[in-house]
Amino acid sequence: MGGVRNGILDRDTYLAPALKAWEKLCSHVAEDGKLGYIQPVGNTPKPADEHTTDVYGIEAFLLAASEMLKIN
């Protein structure tokens, strides 16, 4: 969203897909507040599900949330 907000990315092209992506990310927050589907740390891809979480994914989610708050 920072790219849209700062005029780096065309708002008409990228705002709607970014909002759709944000809605999808929010759908992976469980009622207890855990963010799921975060791939485990490692040197190879591993399966992830609604119970798989890690701090680096939560930090990225919060960064995205802070950008969402700045969109007007």
PDB file of N, CA and C in Angstrom:
ATOM      1  N   MET A   1       0.810  -1.188   0.000  1.00  0.00           N
ATOM      2  CA  MET A   1       0.000   0.000   0.000  1.00  0.00           C
ATOM      3  C   MET A   1       0.855   1.255   0.000  1.00  0.00           C
ATOM      4  N   GLY A   2       2.060   1.138   0.517  1.00  0.00           N
ATOM      5  CA  GLY A   2       2.945   2.292   0.517  1.00  0.00           C
ATOM      6  C   GLY A   2       3.245   2.764  -0.894  1.00  0.00           C
ATOM      7  N   GLY A   3       3.373   1.818  -1.827  1.00  0.00           N
ATOM      8  CA  GLY A   3       3.628   2.181  -3.216  1.00  0.00           C
ATOM      9  C   GLY A   3       2.469   2.948  -3.823  1.00  0.00           C
ATOM     10  N   VAL A   4       1.245   2.546  -3.499  1.00  0.00           N
ATOM     11  CA  VAL A   4       0.050   3.252  -3.973  1.00  0.00           C
ATOM     12  C   VAL A   4      -0.038   4.608  -3.284  1.00  0.00           C
ATOM     13  N   ARG A   5       0.117   4.607  -1.976  1.00  0.00           N
ATOM     14  CA  ARG A   5      -0.015   5.837  -1.191  1.00  0.00           C
ATOM     15  C   ARG A   5       1.013   6.888  -1.593  1.00  0.00           C
ATOM     16  N   ASN A   6       2.213   6.461  -1.939  1.00  0.00           N
ATOM     17  CA  ASN A   6       3.284   7.391  -2.299  1.00  0.00           C
ATOM     18  C   ASN A   6       3.358   7.685  -3.789  1.00  0.00           C
ATOM     19  N   GLY A   7       2.416   7.178  -4.561  1.00  0.00           N
ATOM     20  CA  GLY A   7       2.369   7.470  -5.987  1.00  0.00           C
ATOM     21  C   GLY A   7       3.360   6.694  -6.831  1.00  0.00           C
ATOM     22  N   ILE A   8       4.012   5.704  -6.254  1.00  0.00           N
ATOM     23  CA  ILE A   8       4.950   4.875  -7.017  1.00  0.00           C
ATOM     24  C   ILE A   8       4.182   3.920  -7.927  1.00  0.00           C
ATOM     25  N   LEU A   9       3.069   3.403  -7.401  1.00  0.00           N
ATOM     26  CA  LEU A   9       2.193   2.513  -8.177  1.00  0.00           C
ATOM     27  C   LEU A   9       0.907   3.249  -8.511  1.00  0.00           C
ATOM     28  N   ASP A  10       0.389   3.018  -9.693  1.00  0.00           N
ATOM     29  CA  ASP A  10      -0.838   3.668 -10.146  1.00  0.00           C
ATOM     30  C   ASP A  10      -2.019   3.244  -9.273  1.00  0.00           C
ATOM     31  N   ARG A  11      -2.660   4.214  -8.650  1.00  0.00           N
ATOM     32  CA  ARG A  11      -3.774   3.948  -7.735  1.00  0.00           C
ATOM     33  C   ARG A  11      -4.917   3.204  -8.420  1.00  0.00           C
ATOM     34  N   ASP A  12      -5.282   3.615  -9.625  1.00  0.00           N
ATOM     35  CA  ASP A  12      -6.396   2.975 -10.328  1.00  0.00           C
ATOM     36  C   ASP A  12      -6.112   1.513 -10.655  1.00  0.00           C
ATOM     37  N   THR A  13      -4.861   1.184 -10.863  1.00  0.00           N
ATOM     38  CA  THR A  13      -4.481  -0.190 -11.208  1.00  0.00           C
ATOM     39  C   THR A  13      -4.316  -1.060  -9.975  1.00  0.00           C
ATOM     40  N   TYR A  14      -3.718  -0.533  -8.919  1.00  0.00           N
ATOM     41  CA  TYR A  14      -3.285  -1.373  -7.796  1.00  0.00           C
ATOM     42  C   TYR A  14      -4.105  -1.275  -6.521  1.00  0.00           C
ATOM     43  N   LEU A  15      -4.936  -0.253  -6.362  1.00  0.00           N
ATOM     44  CA  LEU A  15      -5.674  -0.117  -5.105  1.00  0.00           C
ATOM     45  C   LEU A  15      -6.666  -1.263  -4.895  1.00  0.00           C
ATOM     46  N   ALA A  16      -7.481  -1.566  -5.884  1.00  0.00           N
ATOM     47  CA  ALA A  16      -8.487  -2.629  -5.721  1.00  0.00           C
ATOM     48  C   ALA A  16      -7.843  -3.992  -5.429  1.00  0.00           C
ATOM     49  N   PRO A  17      -6.812  -4.411  -6.161  1.00  0.00           N
ATOM     50  CA  PRO A  17      -6.172  -5.690  -5.820  1.00  0.00           C
ATOM     51  C   PRO A  17      -5.531  -5.675  -4.433  1.00  0.00           C
ATOM     52  N   ALA A  18      -4.971  -4.544  -4.036  1.00  0.00           N
ATOM     53  CA  ALA A  18      -4.359  -4.456  -2.708  1.00  0.00           C
ATOM     54  C   ALA A  18      -5.417  -4.581  -1.613  1.00  0.00           C
ATOM     55  N   LEU A  19      -6.564  -3.951  -1.805  1.00  0.00           N
ATOM     56  CA  LEU A  19      -7.647  -4.065  -0.834  1.00  0.00           C
ATOM     57  C   LEU A  19      -8.176  -5.497  -0.762  1.00  0.00           C
ATOM     58  N   LYS A  20      -8.278  -6.142  -1.899  1.00  0.00           N
ATOM     59  CA  LYS A  20      -8.721  -7.541  -1.943  1.00  0.00           C
ATOM     60  C   LYS A  20      -7.719  -8.438  -1.205  1.00  0.00           C
ATOM     61  N   ALA A  21      -6.438  -8.200  -1.408  1.00  0.00           N
ATOM     62  CA  ALA A  21      -5.402  -8.970  -0.723  1.00  0.00           C
ATOM     63  C   ALA A  21      -5.473  -8.739   0.784  1.00  0.00           C
ATOM     64  N   TRP A  22      -5.720  -7.500   1.207  1.00  0.00           N
ATOM     65  CA  TRP A  22      -5.825  -7.193   2.629  1.00  0.00           C
ATOM     66  C   TRP A  22      -7.009  -7.948   3.251  1.00  0.00           C
ATOM     67  N   GLU A  23      -8.145  -7.959   2.553  1.00  0.00           N
ATOM     68  CA  GLU A  23      -9.304  -8.701   3.048  1.00  0.00           C
ATOM     69  C   GLU A  23      -8.970 -10.180   3.211  1.00  0.00           C
ATOM     70  N   LYS A  24      -8.251 -10.742   2.254  1.00  0.00           N
ATOM     71  CA  LYS A  24      -7.870 -12.155   2.337  1.00  0.00           C
ATOM     72  C   LYS A  24      -6.935 -12.390   3.515  1.00  0.00           C
ATOM     73  N   LEU A  25      -5.958 -11.516   3.718  1.00  0.00           N
ATOM     74  CA  LEU A  25      -5.072 -11.646   4.868  1.00  0.00           C
ATOM     75  C   LEU A  25      -5.865 -11.613   6.175  1.00  0.00           C
ATOM     76  N   CYS A  26      -6.795 -10.693   6.276  1.00  0.00           N
ATOM     77  CA  CYS A  26      -7.594 -10.566   7.497  1.00  0.00           C
ATOM     78  C   CYS A  26      -8.447 -11.805   7.744  1.00  0.00           C
ATOM     79  N   SER A  27      -8.814 -12.504   6.695  1.00  0.00           N
ATOM     80  CA  SER A  27      -9.632 -13.709   6.862  1.00  0.00           C
ATOM     81  C   SER A  27      -8.850 -14.838   7.520  1.00  0.00           C
ATOM     82  N   HIS A  28      -7.537 -14.697   7.628  1.00  0.00           N
ATOM     83  CA  HIS A  28      -6.704 -15.722   8.258  1.00  0.00           C
ATOM     84  C   HIS A  28      -6.358 -15.393   9.707  1.00  0.00           C
ATOM     85  N   VAL A  29      -7.025 -14.389  10.263  1.00  0.00           N
ATOM     86  CA  VAL A  29      -6.876 -14.090  11.683  1.00  0.00           C
ATOM     87  C   VAL A  29      -7.980 -14.838  12.419  1.00  0.00           C
ATOM     88  N   ALA A  30      -7.577 -15.727  13.319  1.00  0.00           N
ATOM     89  CA  ALA A  30      -8.537 -16.541  14.064  1.00  0.00           C
ATOM     90  C   ALA A  30      -9.219 -15.705  15.151  1.00  0.00           C
ATOM     91  N   GLU A  31     -10.279 -16.251  15.704  1.00  0.00           N
ATOM     92  CA  GLU A  31     -11.011 -15.544  16.756  1.00  0.00           C
ATOM     93  C   GLU A  31     -10.140 -15.258  17.974  1.00  0.00           C
ATOM     94  N   ASP A  32      -9.141 -16.098  18.222  1.00  0.00           N
ATOM     95  CA  ASP A  32      -8.244 -15.861  19.355  1.00  0.00           C
ATOM     96  C   ASP A  32      -7.129 -14.878  19.026  1.00  0.00           C
ATOM     97  N   GLY A  33      -7.126 -14.339  17.794  1.00  0.00           N
ATOM     98  CA  GLY A  33      -6.162 -13.326  17.389  1.00  0.00           C
ATOM     99  C   GLY A  33      -4.933 -13.855  16.680  1.00  0.00           C
ATOM    100  N   LYS A  34      -4.790 -15.176  16.591  1.00  0.00           N
ATOM    101  CA  LYS A  34      -3.626 -15.735  15.904  1.00  0.00           C
ATOM    102  C   LYS A  34      -3.771 -15.600  14.400  1.00  0.00           C
ATOM    103  N   LEU A  35      -2.664 -15.274  13.754  1.00  0.00           N
ATOM    104  CA  LEU A  35      -2.611 -15.203  12.302  1.00  0.00           C
ATOM    105  C   LEU A  35      -2.079 -16.535  11.788  1.00  0.00           C
ATOM    106  N   GLY A  36      -2.840 -17.210  10.970  1.00  0.00           N
ATOM    107  CA  GLY A  36      -2.453 -18.524  10.475  1.00  0.00           C
ATOM    108  C   GLY A  36      -1.890 -18.480   9.069  1.00  0.00           C
ATOM    109  N   TYR A  37      -1.545 -19.652   8.578  1.00  0.00           N
ATOM    110  CA  TYR A  37      -1.001 -19.857   7.226  1.00  0.00           C
ATOM    111  C   TYR A  37       0.351 -19.174   7.030  1.00  0.00           C
ATOM    112  N   ILE A  38       1.124 -19.044   8.103  1.00  0.00           N
ATOM    113  CA  ILE A  38       2.472 -18.491   7.992  1.00  0.00           C
ATOM    114  C   ILE A  38       3.433 -19.667   7.866  1.00  0.00           C
ATOM    115  N   GLN A  39       4.134 -19.701   6.770  1.00  0.00           N
ATOM    116  CA  GLN A  39       5.063 -20.806   6.514  1.00  0.00           C
ATOM    117  C   GLN A  39       6.182 -20.815   7.556  1.00  0.00           C
ATOM    118  N   PRO A  40       6.521 -21.997   8.079  1.00  0.00           N
ATOM    119  CA  PRO A  40       7.599 -22.069   9.078  1.00  0.00           C
ATOM    120  C   PRO A  40       8.945 -21.619   8.505  1.00  0.00           C
ATOM    121  N   VAL A  41       9.789 -21.112   9.391  1.00  0.00           N
ATOM    122  CA  VAL A  41      11.140 -20.711   9.007  1.00  0.00           C
ATOM    123  C   VAL A  41      11.933 -21.963   8.643  1.00  0.00           C
ATOM    124  N   GLY A  42      12.713 -21.881   7.587  1.00  0.00           N
ATOM    125  CA  GLY A  42      13.543 -23.006   7.176  1.00  0.00           C
ATOM    126  C   GLY A  42      14.155 -22.747   5.817  1.00  0.00           C
ATOM    127  N   ASN A  43      14.914 -23.695   5.359  1.00  0.00           N
ATOM    128  CA  ASN A  43      15.584 -23.513   4.067  1.00  0.00           C
ATOM    129  C   ASN A  43      14.789 -24.109   2.907  1.00  0.00           C
ATOM    130  N   THR A  44      13.648 -24.746   3.200  1.00  0.00           N
ATOM    131  CA  THR A  44      12.789 -25.291   2.143  1.00  0.00           C
ATOM    132  C   THR A  44      11.334 -24.988   2.490  1.00  0.00           C
ATOM    133  N   PRO A  45      10.474 -24.899   1.489  1.00  0.00           N
ATOM    134  CA  PRO A  45       9.052 -24.672   1.762  1.00  0.00           C
ATOM    135  C   PRO A  45       8.452 -25.839   2.541  1.00  0.00           C
ATOM    136  N   LYS A  46       7.563 -25.500   3.446  1.00  0.00           N
ATOM    137  CA  LYS A  46       6.854 -26.502   4.234  1.00  0.00           C
ATOM    138  C   LYS A  46       5.372 -26.164   4.223  1.00  0.00           C
ATOM    139  N   PRO A  47       4.526 -27.155   4.437  1.00  0.00           N
ATOM    140  CA  PRO A  47       3.083 -26.888   4.459  1.00  0.00           C
ATOM    141  C   PRO A  47       2.717 -25.931   5.601  1.00  0.00           C
ATOM    142  N   ALA A  48       1.681 -25.163   5.377  1.00  0.00           N
ATOM    143  CA  ALA A  48       1.156 -24.264   6.401  1.00  0.00           C
ATOM    144  C   ALA A  48      -0.361 -24.387   6.402  1.00  0.00           C
ATOM    145  N   ASP A  49      -0.945 -24.233   7.578  1.00  0.00           N
ATOM    146  CA  ASP A  49      -2.399 -24.273   7.683  1.00  0.00           C
ATOM    147  C   ASP A  49      -2.866 -23.177   8.643  1.00  0.00           C
ATOM    148  N   GLU A  50      -4.131 -23.227   9.027  1.00  0.00           N
ATOM    149  CA  GLU A  50      -4.682 -22.162   9.872  1.00  0.00           C
ATOM    150  C   GLU A  50      -4.039 -22.105  11.256  1.00  0.00           C
ATOM    151  N   HIS A  51      -3.335 -23.157  11.659  1.00  0.00           N
ATOM    152  CA  HIS A  51      -2.685 -23.186  12.963  1.00  0.00           C
ATOM    153  C   HIS A  51      -1.195 -22.848  12.901  1.00  0.00           C
ATOM    154  N   THR A  52      -0.642 -22.703  11.713  1.00  0.00           N
ATOM    155  CA  THR A  52       0.782 -22.427  11.543  1.00  0.00           C
ATOM    156  C   THR A  52       1.020 -20.920  11.640  1.00  0.00           C
ATOM    157  N   THR A  53       1.846 -20.510  12.600  1.00  0.00           N
ATOM    158  CA  THR A  53       2.100 -19.082  12.795  1.00  0.00           C
ATOM    159  C   THR A  53       3.567 -18.875  13.181  1.00  0.00           C
ATOM    160  N   ASP A  54       4.041 -17.655  13.036  1.00  0.00           N
ATOM    161  CA  ASP A  54       5.406 -17.308  13.416  1.00  0.00           C
ATOM    162  C   ASP A  54       5.494 -15.793  13.524  1.00  0.00           C
ATOM    163  N   VAL A  55       6.438 -15.304  14.322  1.00  0.00           N
ATOM    164  CA  VAL A  55       6.503 -13.863  14.582  1.00  0.00           C
ATOM    165  C   VAL A  55       6.796 -13.039  13.334  1.00  0.00           C
ATOM    166  N   TYR A  56       7.608 -13.550  12.405  1.00  0.00           N
ATOM    167  CA  TYR A  56       7.942 -12.714  11.253  1.00  0.00           C
ATOM    168  C   TYR A  56       6.715 -12.444  10.386  1.00  0.00           C
ATOM    169  N   GLY A  57       5.790 -13.374  10.336  1.00  0.00           N
ATOM    170  CA  GLY A  57       4.560 -13.164   9.563  1.00  0.00           C
ATOM    171  C   GLY A  57       3.652 -12.151  10.221  1.00  0.00           C
ATOM    172  N   ILE A  58       3.601 -12.181  11.535  1.00  0.00           N
ATOM    173  CA  ILE A  58       2.775 -11.237  12.275  1.00  0.00           C
ATOM    174  C   ILE A  58       3.322  -9.826  12.104  1.00  0.00           C
ATOM    175  N   GLU A  59       4.626  -9.690  12.125  1.00  0.00           N
ATOM    176  CA  GLU A  59       5.234  -8.368  11.925  1.00  0.00           C
ATOM    177  C   GLU A  59       4.916  -7.817  10.535  1.00  0.00           C
ATOM    178  N   ALA A  60       4.969  -8.662   9.520  1.00  0.00           N
ATOM    179  CA  ALA A  60       4.625  -8.228   8.165  1.00  0.00           C
ATOM    180  C   ALA A  60       3.148  -7.832   8.089  1.00  0.00           C
ATOM    181  N   PHE A  61       2.293  -8.589   8.770  1.00  0.00           N
ATOM    182  CA  PHE A  61       0.868  -8.273   8.814  1.00  0.00           C
ATOM    183  C   PHE A  61       0.647  -6.908   9.460  1.00  0.00           C
ATOM    184  N   LEU A  62       1.322  -6.638  10.567  1.00  0.00           N
ATOM    185  CA  LEU A  62       1.171  -5.354  11.247  1.00  0.00           C
ATOM    186  C   LEU A  62       1.704  -4.196  10.403  1.00  0.00           C
ATOM    187  N   LEU A  63       2.765  -4.426   9.660  1.00  0.00           N
ATOM    188  CA  LEU A  63       3.271  -3.396   8.755  1.00  0.00           C
ATOM    189  C   LEU A  63       2.236  -3.097   7.669  1.00  0.00           C
ATOM    190  N   ALA A  64       1.636  -4.150   7.128  1.00  0.00           N
ATOM    191  CA  ALA A  64       0.580  -3.951   6.125  1.00  0.00           C
ATOM    192  C   ALA A  64      -0.608  -3.205   6.741  1.00  0.00           C
ATOM    193  N   ALA A  65      -0.953  -3.545   7.985  1.00  0.00           N
ATOM    194  CA  ALA A  65      -2.063  -2.867   8.658  1.00  0.00           C
ATOM    195  C   ALA A  65      -1.771  -1.377   8.826  1.00  0.00           C
ATOM    196  N   SER A  66      -0.539  -1.051   9.168  1.00  0.00           N
ATOM    197  CA  SER A  66      -0.202   0.367   9.334  1.00  0.00           C
ATOM    198  C   SER A  66      -0.314   1.126   8.019  1.00  0.00           C
ATOM    199  N   GLU A  67      -0.005   0.469   6.919  1.00  0.00           N
ATOM    200  CA  GLU A  67      -0.172   1.114   5.604  1.00  0.00           C
ATOM    201  C   GLU A  67      -1.648   1.250   5.244  1.00  0.00           C
ATOM    202  N   MET A  68      -2.449   0.270   5.612  1.00  0.00           N
ATOM    203  CA  MET A  68      -3.886   0.343   5.335  1.00  0.00           C
ATOM    204  C   MET A  68      -4.518   1.530   6.052  1.00  0.00           C
ATOM    205  N   LEU A  69      -4.042   1.798   7.260  1.00  0.00           N
ATOM    206  CA  LEU A  69      -4.582   2.930   8.022  1.00  0.00           C
ATOM    207  C   LEU A  69      -4.263   4.274   7.360  1.00  0.00           C
ATOM    208  N   LYS A  70      -3.192   4.328   6.586  1.00  0.00           N
ATOM    209  CA  LYS A  70      -2.765   5.578   5.962  1.00  0.00           C
ATOM    210  C   LYS A  70      -3.428   5.837   4.604  1.00  0.00           C
ATOM    211  N   ILE A  71      -4.075   4.816   4.035  1.00  0.00           N
ATOM    212  CA  ILE A  71      -4.725   4.979   2.722  1.00  0.00           C
ATOM    213  C   ILE A  71      -5.941   5.873   2.862  1.00  0.00           C
ATOM    214  N   ASN A  72      -6.099   6.815   1.948  1.00  0.00           N
ATOM    215  CA  ASN A  72      -7.288   7.675   1.962  1.00  0.00           C
ATOM    216  C   ASN A  72      -7.969   7.657   0.648  1.00  0.00           C
TER     217      ASN A  72
END
